[in-house]
C-alpha atoms as a PDB file:
ATOM      1  CA  MET A   1     -37.133  19.148  14.055  1.00  0.00           C
ATOM      2  CA  ASP A   2     -34.716  19.258  17.042  1.00  0.00           C
ATOM      3  CA  THR A   3     -36.506  16.901  19.081  1.00  0.00           C
ATOM      4  CA  PRO A   4     -35.089  17.255  23.153  1.00  0.00           C
ATOM      5  CA  TRP A   5     -38.023  17.167  24.351  1.00  0.00           C
ATOM      6  CA  LEU A   6     -38.845  13.938  22.925  1.00  0.00           C
ATOM      7  CA  GLN A   7     -36.158  12.660  25.072  1.00  0.00           C
ATOM      8  CA  GLN A   8     -37.865  14.055  28.407  1.00  0.00           C
ATOM      9  CA  ASP A   9     -40.906  13.082  30.532  1.00  0.00           C
ATOM     10  CA  PRO A  10     -43.626  12.407  29.377  1.00  0.00           C
ATOM     11  CA  PHE A  11     -42.680  11.734  25.852  1.00  0.00           C
ATOM     12  CA  ARG A  12     -39.590   9.295  26.930  1.00  0.00           C
ATOM     13  CA  ARG A  13     -42.316   6.816  28.046  1.00  0.00           C
ATOM     14  CA  LEU A  14     -43.340   6.415  24.115  1.00  0.00           C
ATOM     15  CA  PRO A  15     -41.842   3.875  22.195  1.00  0.00           C
ATOM     16  CA  VAL A  16     -39.851   5.118  19.233  1.00  0.00           C
ATOM     17  CA  PRO A  17     -42.671   4.891  16.819  1.00  0.00           C
ATOM     18  CA  ALA A  18     -45.249   6.355  18.987  1.00  0.00           C
ATOM     19  CA  ARG A  19     -42.692   9.547  19.451  1.00  0.00           C
ATOM     20  CA  ALA A  20     -42.044   9.814  15.332  1.00  0.00           C
ATOM     21  CA  VAL A  21     -45.573  10.019  15.144  1.00  0.00           C
ATOM     22  CA  LEU A  22     -45.741  12.712  17.662  1.00  0.00           C
ATOM     23  CA  ASN A  23     -42.900  14.954  15.887  1.00  0.00           C
ATOM     24  CA  ARG A  24     -44.340  14.557  12.605  1.00  0.00           C
ATOM     25  CA  ALA A  25     -47.472  16.236  14.066  1.00  0.00           C
ATOM     26  CA  ALA A  26     -45.467  18.735  16.021  1.00  0.00           C
ATOM     27  CA  GLU A  27     -45.127  22.343  15.253  1.00  0.00           C
ATOM     28  CA  VAL A  28     -42.708  25.337  16.456  1.00  0.00           C
ATOM     29  CA  ALA A  29     -44.112  28.378  17.280  1.00  0.00           C
ATOM     30  CA  ARG A  30     -42.480  31.338  18.569  1.00  0.00           C
ATOM     31  CA  TYR A  31     -43.761  34.360  20.806  1.00  0.00           C
ATOM     32  CA  GLN A  32     -42.209  37.600  22.209  1.00  0.00           C
ATOM     33  CA  ALA A  33     -42.925  38.724  25.775  1.00  0.00           C
ATOM     34  CA  GLY A  34     -45.995  39.722  26.677  1.00  0.00           C
ATOM     35  CA  GLU A  35     -47.969  37.476  24.089  1.00  0.00           C
ATOM     36  CA  THR A  36     -50.350  35.297  24.809  1.00  0.00           C
ATOM     37  CA  VAL A  37     -50.215  31.429  23.375  1.00  0.00           C
ATOM     38  CA  PHE A  38     -54.095  31.069  24.388  1.00  0.00           C
ATOM     39  CA  ARG A  39     -56.878  32.391  26.252  1.00  0.00           C
ATOM     40  CA  GLU A  40     -58.745  31.074  29.180  1.00  0.00           C
ATOM     41  CA  GLY A  41     -62.042  29.916  27.790  1.00  0.00           C
ATOM     42  CA  GLU A  42     -60.907  28.659  24.126  1.00  0.00           C
ATOM     43  CA  PRO A  43     -61.405  25.618  22.612  1.00  0.00           C
ATOM     44  CA  PRO A  44     -58.323  23.439  23.468  1.00  0.00           C
ATOM     45  CA  GLU A  45     -56.921  22.258  20.440  1.00  0.00           C
ATOM     46  CA  SER A  46     -53.506  21.853  21.014  1.00  0.00           C
ATOM     47  CA  LEU A  47     -51.002  21.094  24.019  1.00  0.00           C
ATOM     48  CA  TRP A  48     -47.549  22.830  24.357  1.00  0.00           C
ATOM     49  CA  VAL A  49     -44.122  22.108  25.385  1.00  0.00           C
ATOM     50  CA  VAL A  50     -41.789  24.781  26.398  1.00  0.00           C
ATOM     51  CA  ARG A  51     -38.294  24.442  24.521  1.00  0.00           C
ATOM     52  CA  ARG A  52     -37.017  28.186  25.205  1.00  0.00           C
ATOM     53  CA  GLY A  53     -38.345  30.566  28.051  1.00  0.00           C
ATOM     54  CA  TRP A  54     -40.987  30.456  30.035  1.00  0.00           C
ATOM     55  CA  VAL A  55     -44.723  30.706  30.191  1.00  0.00           C
ATOM     56  CA  GLN A  56     -47.125  32.395  32.798  1.00  0.00           C
ATOM     57  CA  LEU A  57     -50.696  30.663  33.588  1.00  0.00           C
ATOM     58  CA  VAL A  58     -52.999  33.311  34.448  1.00  0.00           C
ATOM     59  CA  MET A  59     -56.580  32.810  35.031  1.00  0.00           C
ATOM     60  CA  ARG A  60     -59.081  35.681  35.591  1.00  0.00           C
ATOM     61  CA  THR A  61     -60.385  36.193  39.349  1.00  0.00           C
ATOM     62  CA  ALA A  62     -63.911  37.325  40.322  1.00  0.00           C
ATOM     63  CA  ASN A  63     -62.927  40.789  40.072  1.00  0.00           C
ATOM     64  CA  GLY A  64     -61.440  40.702  36.809  1.00  0.00           C
ATOM     65  CA  LYS A  65     -57.773  40.389  37.551  1.00  0.00           C
ATOM     66  CA  GLY A  66     -55.415  38.000  36.506  1.00  0.00           C
ATOM     67  CA  LEU A  67     -53.823  35.865  38.713  1.00  0.00           C
ATOM     68  CA  THR A  68     -50.847  33.424  37.748  1.00  0.00           C
ATOM     69  CA  VAL A  69     -51.269  30.435  39.190  1.00  0.00           C
ATOM     70  CA  ASP A  70     -48.595  28.689  37.871  1.00  0.00           C
ATOM     71  CA  LEU A  71     -45.795  28.192  35.416  1.00  0.00           C
ATOM     72  CA  SER A  72     -44.291  26.322  32.557  1.00  0.00           C
ATOM     73  CA  THR A  73     -40.639  25.692  31.326  1.00  0.00           C
ATOM     74  CA  PRO A  74     -38.781  23.420  29.792  1.00  0.00           C
ATOM     75  CA  ASP A  75     -38.712  21.068  32.320  1.00  0.00           C
ATOM     76  CA  ASP A  76     -42.025  21.094  32.806  1.00  0.00           C
ATOM     77  CA  GLY A  77     -43.100  19.055  30.108  1.00  0.00           C
ATOM     78  CA  LEU A  78     -46.628  19.847  28.922  1.00  0.00           C
ATOM     79  CA  PHE A  79     -48.897  22.955  29.635  1.00  0.00           C
ATOM     80  CA  GLY A  80     -52.746  23.316  28.173  1.00  0.00           C
ATOM     81  CA  LEU A  81     -53.739  20.335  29.932  1.00  0.00           C
ATOM     82  CA  SER A  82     -57.190  21.102  29.606  1.00  0.00           C
ATOM     83  CA  ALA A  83     -57.131  19.533  26.083  1.00  0.00           C
ATOM     84  CA  PHE A  84     -56.890  16.129  27.497  1.00  0.00           C
ATOM     85  CA  CYS A  85     -60.507  16.663  29.303  1.00  0.00           C
ATOM     86  CA  GLY A  86     -61.534  18.499  26.369  1.00  0.00           C
ATOM     87  CA  MET A  87     -63.086  21.215  28.106  1.00  0.00           C
ATOM     88  CA  SER A  88     -62.394  25.021  27.398  1.00  0.00           C
ATOM     89  CA  TYR A  89     -58.470  26.231  28.420  1.00  0.00           C
ATOM     90  CA  LEU A  90     -58.739  26.823  32.248  1.00  0.00           C
ATOM     91  CA  THR A  91     -55.939  29.427  32.040  1.00  0.00           C
ATOM     92  CA  SER A  92     -54.120  32.230  29.846  1.00  0.00           C
ATOM     93  CA  ALA A  93     -50.882  31.131  28.430  1.00  0.00           C
ATOM     94  CA  VAL A  94     -48.831  34.428  28.478  1.00  0.00           C
ATOM     95  CA  ALA A  95     -44.909  34.732  27.500  1.00  0.00           C
ATOM     96  CA  ALA A  96     -42.908  35.895  30.228  1.00  0.00           C
ATOM     97  CA  THR A  97     -39.787  35.825  27.893  1.00  0.00           C
ATOM     98  CA  PRO A  98     -39.184  35.473  24.261  1.00  0.00           C
ATOM     99  CA  LEU A  99     -40.669  32.063  23.941  1.00  0.00           C
ATOM    100  CA  VAL A 100     -40.327  28.980  21.481  1.00  0.00           C
ATOM    101  CA  VAL A 101     -43.001  25.963  22.042  1.00  0.00           C
ATOM    102  CA  VAL A 102     -43.839  23.039  20.105  1.00  0.00           C
ATOM    103  CA  ARG A 103     -47.708  22.891  19.406  1.00  0.00           C
ATOM    104  CA  LEU A 104     -48.511  19.218  19.718  1.00  0.00           C
ATOM    105  CA  PRO A 105     -52.605  18.605  17.641  1.00  0.00           C
ATOM    106  CA  ALA A 106     -54.720  17.347  21.120  1.00  0.00           C
ATOM    107  CA  PRO A 107     -56.268  14.569  19.452  1.00  0.00           C
ATOM    108  CA  VAL A 108     -52.707  12.861  18.799  1.00  0.00           C
ATOM    109  CA  VAL A 109     -51.687  13.091  22.034  1.00  0.00           C
ATOM    110  CA  ARG A 110     -55.146  12.225  23.497  1.00  0.00           C
ATOM    111  CA  GLN A 111     -54.588   8.981  21.104  1.00  0.00           C
ATOM    112  CA  LEU A 112     -51.032   8.370  22.673  1.00  0.00           C
ATOM    113  CA  VAL A 113     -52.676   8.115  26.278  1.00  0.00           C
ATOM    114  CA  ALA A 114     -55.302   6.033  25.181  1.00  0.00           C
ATOM    115  CA  ALA A 115     -52.896   3.620  23.958  1.00  0.00           C
ATOM    116  CA  GLN A 116     -49.660   3.821  26.193  1.00  0.00           C
ATOM    117  CA  ALA A 117     -49.907   2.700  29.731  1.00  0.00           C
ATOM    118  CA  ALA A 118     -46.534   4.297  30.529  1.00  0.00           C
ATOM    119  CA  PHE A 119     -47.295   7.914  28.861  1.00  0.00           C
ATOM    120  CA  ALA A 120     -50.409   7.988  30.370  1.00  0.00           C
ATOM    121  CA  ALA A 121     -49.166   7.173  33.973  1.00  0.00           C
ATOM    122  CA  ALA A 122     -46.240  10.363  33.343  1.00  0.00           C
ATOM    123  CA  VAL A 123     -49.405  12.244  32.035  1.00  0.00           C
ATOM    124  CA  VAL A 124     -51.233  12.139  35.605  1.00  0.00           C
ATOM    125  CA  ARG A 125     -47.717  12.711  37.615  1.00  0.00           C
ATOM    126  CA  LEU A 126     -47.999  16.317  35.164  1.00  0.00           C
ATOM    127  CA  PHE A 127     -51.536  16.500  36.320  1.00  0.00           C
ATOM    128  CA  SER A 128     -50.789  15.925  40.264  1.00  0.00           C
ATOM    129  CA  ARG A 129     -48.064  18.451  39.733  1.00  0.00           C
ATOM    130  CA  ARG A 130     -49.793  21.279  38.486  1.00  0.00           C
ATOM    131  CA  PHE A 131     -52.725  20.596  40.773  1.00  0.00           C
ATOM    132  CA  HIS A 132     -50.351  20.862  43.508  1.00  0.00           C
ATOM    133  CA  HIS A 133     -49.025  24.079  42.281  1.00  0.00           C
ATOM    134  CA  MET A 134     -52.175  26.033  41.652  1.00  0.00           C
ATOM    135  CA  ALA A 135     -53.480  24.665  45.339  1.00  0.00           C
ATOM    136  CA  GLU A 136     -50.187  26.571  46.899  1.00  0.00           C
ATOM    137  CA  THR A 137     -51.156  29.740  44.974  1.00  0.00           C
ATOM    138  CA  TYR A 138     -54.802  29.459  45.867  1.00  0.00           C
ATOM    139  CA  ALA A 139     -53.612  28.948  49.558  1.00  0.00           C
ATOM    140  CA  THR A 140     -51.517  31.594  49.492  1.00  0.00           C
ATOM    141  CA  ALA A 141     -53.751  34.267  47.352  1.00  0.00           C
ATOM    142  CA  PHE A 142     -55.093  35.886  50.411  1.00  0.00           C
ATOM    143  CA  ALA A 143     -51.920  35.841  52.281  1.00  0.00           C
ATOM    144  CA  PRO A 144     -49.643  38.976  53.688  1.00  0.00           C
ATOM    145  CA  VAL A 145     -47.468  39.965  50.703  1.00  0.00           C
ATOM    146  CA  GLU A 146     -44.191  38.698  51.879  1.00  0.00           C
ATOM    147  CA  LEU A 147     -45.828  35.232  52.174  1.00  0.00           C
ATOM    148  CA  ARG A 148     -46.743  35.383  48.802  1.00  0.00           C
ATOM    149  CA  ILE A 149     -43.716  36.628  47.528  1.00  0.00           C
ATOM    150  CA  ALA A 150     -41.616  33.799  49.623  1.00  0.00           C
ATOM    151  CA  SER A 151     -43.843  31.504  48.180  1.00  0.00           C
ATOM    152  CA  VAL A 152     -43.273  32.858  44.416  1.00  0.00           C
ATOM    153  CA  LEU A 153     -39.930  32.878  45.054  1.00  0.00           C
ATOM    154  CA  LEU A 154     -39.487  28.846  45.932  1.00  0.00           C
ATOM    155  CA  ARG A 155     -41.753  27.817  43.327  1.00  0.00           C
ATOM    156  CA  LEU A 156     -39.277  29.467  41.080  1.00  0.00           C
ATOM    157  CA  GLU A 157     -36.344  27.805  42.488  1.00  0.00           C
ATOM    158  CA  GLU A 158     -37.975  24.481  41.729  1.00  0.00           C
ATOM    159  CA  ALA A 159     -38.297  25.320  37.970  1.00  0.00           C
ATOM    160  CA  PHE A 160     -34.655  27.490  37.438  1.00  0.00           C
ATOM    161  CA  GLY A 161     -32.811  26.623  40.568  1.00  0.00           C
ATOM    162  CA  ALA A 162     -30.948  29.496  42.862  1.00  0.00           C
ATOM    163  CA  THR A 163     -30.483  31.750  40.141  1.00  0.00           C
ATOM    164  CA  LEU A 164     -34.023  32.803  39.248  1.00  0.00           C
ATOM    165  CA  PRO A 165     -34.316  35.052  35.417  1.00  0.00           C
ATOM    166  CA  VAL A 166     -36.946  37.316  36.617  1.00  0.00           C
ATOM    167  CA  THR A 167     -37.327  41.085  37.462  1.00  0.00           C
ATOM    168  CA  ARG A 168     -38.936  42.392  40.561  1.00  0.00           C
ATOM    169  CA  ARG A 169     -41.731  43.762  38.321  1.00  0.00           C
ATOM    170  CA  GLN A 170     -42.455  39.837  36.865  1.00  0.00           C
ATOM    171  CA  VAL A 171     -42.064  38.698  40.971  1.00  0.00           C
ATOM    172  CA  ALA A 172     -44.907  41.309  41.428  1.00  0.00           C
ATOM    173  CA  GLU A 173     -46.784  39.948  39.034  1.00  0.00           C
ATOM    174  CA  LEU A 174     -46.792  36.400  39.872  1.00  0.00           C
ATOM    175  CA  ALA A 175     -47.388  37.331  43.595  1.00  0.00           C
ATOM    176  CA  GLY A 176     -50.357  39.820  43.025  1.00  0.00           C
ATOM    177  CA  THR A 177     -48.566  42.763  44.228  1.00  0.00           C
ATOM    178  CA  THR A 178     -47.424  46.233  43.090  1.00  0.00           C
ATOM    179  CA  VAL A 179     -43.646  46.531  41.763  1.00  0.00           C
ATOM    180  CA  GLU A 180     -42.727  48.941  44.705  1.00  0.00           C
ATOM    181  CA  THR A 181     -44.133  46.203  47.113  1.00  0.00           C
ATOM    182  CA  ALA A 182     -42.043  43.894  45.416  1.00  0.00           C
ATOM    183  CA  ILE A 183     -38.949  45.914  45.633  1.00  0.00           C
ATOM    184  CA  ARG A 184     -39.539  46.668  49.455  1.00  0.00           C
ATOM    185  CA  VAL A 185     -39.801  43.000  50.264  1.00  0.00           C
ATOM    186  CA  SER A 186     -37.155  41.746  48.187  1.00  0.00           C
ATOM    187  CA  ASN A 187     -34.777  44.691  49.640  1.00  0.00           C
ATOM    188  CA  ARG A 188     -36.326  43.768  53.241  1.00  0.00           C
ATOM    189  CA  LEU A 189     -35.275  39.769  52.121  1.00  0.00           C
ATOM    190  CA  ARG A 190     -31.559  40.785  50.816  1.00  0.00           C
ATOM    191  CA  ARG A 191     -30.692  42.613  54.157  1.00  0.00           C
ATOM    192  CA  GLU A 192     -31.716  39.346  56.083  1.00  0.00           C
ATOM    193  CA  ARG A 193     -29.179  37.325  53.476  1.00  0.00           C
ATOM    194  CA  LEU A 194     -31.948  34.985  51.939  1.00  0.00           C
ATOM    195  CA  LEU A 195     -31.140  36.462  48.502  1.00  0.00           C
ATOM    196  CA  THR A 196     -28.890  38.875  46.206  1.00  0.00           C
ATOM    197  CA  MET A 197     -30.175  40.378  42.796  1.00  0.00           C
ATOM    198  CA  ARG A 198     -28.542  41.160  39.779  1.00  0.00           C
ATOM    199  CA  ARG A 199     -29.885  42.673  36.389  1.00  0.00           C
ATOM    200  CA  GLY A 200     -32.685  41.057  35.616  1.00  0.00           C
ATOM    201  CA  GLU A 201     -32.098  37.925  37.918  1.00  0.00           C
ATOM    202  CA  ILE A 202     -32.551  37.277  41.502  1.00  0.00           C
ATOM    203  CA  VAL A 203     -30.315  34.676  43.451  1.00  0.00           C
ATOM    204  CA  LEU A 204     -31.985  32.583  46.131  1.00  0.00           C
ATOM    205  CA  VAL A 205     -28.293  32.296  48.743  1.00  0.00           C
ATOM    206  CA  ASP A 206     -30.510  30.637  51.765  1.00  0.00           C
ATOM    207  CA  SER A 207     -33.500  29.085  50.207  1.00  0.00           C
ATOM    208  CA  VAL A 208     -33.528  27.093  53.396  1.00  0.00           C
ATOM    209  CA  GLY A 209     -33.923  30.033  55.233  1.00  0.00           C
ATOM    210  CA  LEU A 210     -36.359  31.630  53.148  1.00  0.00           C
ATOM    211  CA  SER A 211     -38.732  28.116  53.179  1.00  0.00           C
ATOM    212  CA  GLN A 212     -38.687  28.488  57.134  1.00  0.00           C
ATOM    213  CA  LYS A 213     -39.557  32.403  57.088  1.00  0.00           C
ATOM    214  CA  LEU A 214     -42.780  31.151  54.802  1.00  0.00           C
ATOM    215  CA  ARG A 215     -43.970  28.293  57.282  1.00  0.00           C
ATOM    216  CA  ALA A 216     -43.383  30.677  60.409  1.00  0.00           C
ATOM    217  CA  ALA A 217     -45.472  33.316  58.723  1.00  0.00           C
ATOM    218  CA  ALA A 218     -48.120  30.595  57.988  1.00  0.00           C
ATOM    219  CA  ARG A 219     -48.984  29.719  61.451  1.00  0.00           C
END
């Protein structure tokens, strides 16, 4: 198996023999955009690593709608972190694009966490970052739509850099709004010279200005 994922956090914290154990246990899986990797409430038998594409982590709200609370990309290490606790999956994982992932049996990863302190510390940092992103999502869930969209764009920049491989439909899903509203807000942000748009992409040309706009709107 091609294993560049073993050279990044948290796996690079493992000694070579432990990485070999993990590699032998790993399986590659492929999904089309819109397919579900796992569902909220299912037993967490595996942890997952994105090799290509990206994943939306979606939680059902009280009214039955889906709220995207975070995303996972090839730079994010692991998703499906509920498997560390033995609880059911807290979210569903839905392929936002054609997706290639590595499936890791949860018991194997838990054993490595128990045995390898540096690996465990890196996993804790993953938990912290994921919690931070989810808290930000909840903090803006009922904010004005322009603030929600600005927050989504800045989160995507953190994952992908200035060129965001997303459509305005995907931005609408991530922000919990309609496509029409996402188009209207993005056109306004373009007129303010904060972003530009290309086919299948949004380019942030002034993320500092967008961040300032977000902070001002939150006051």
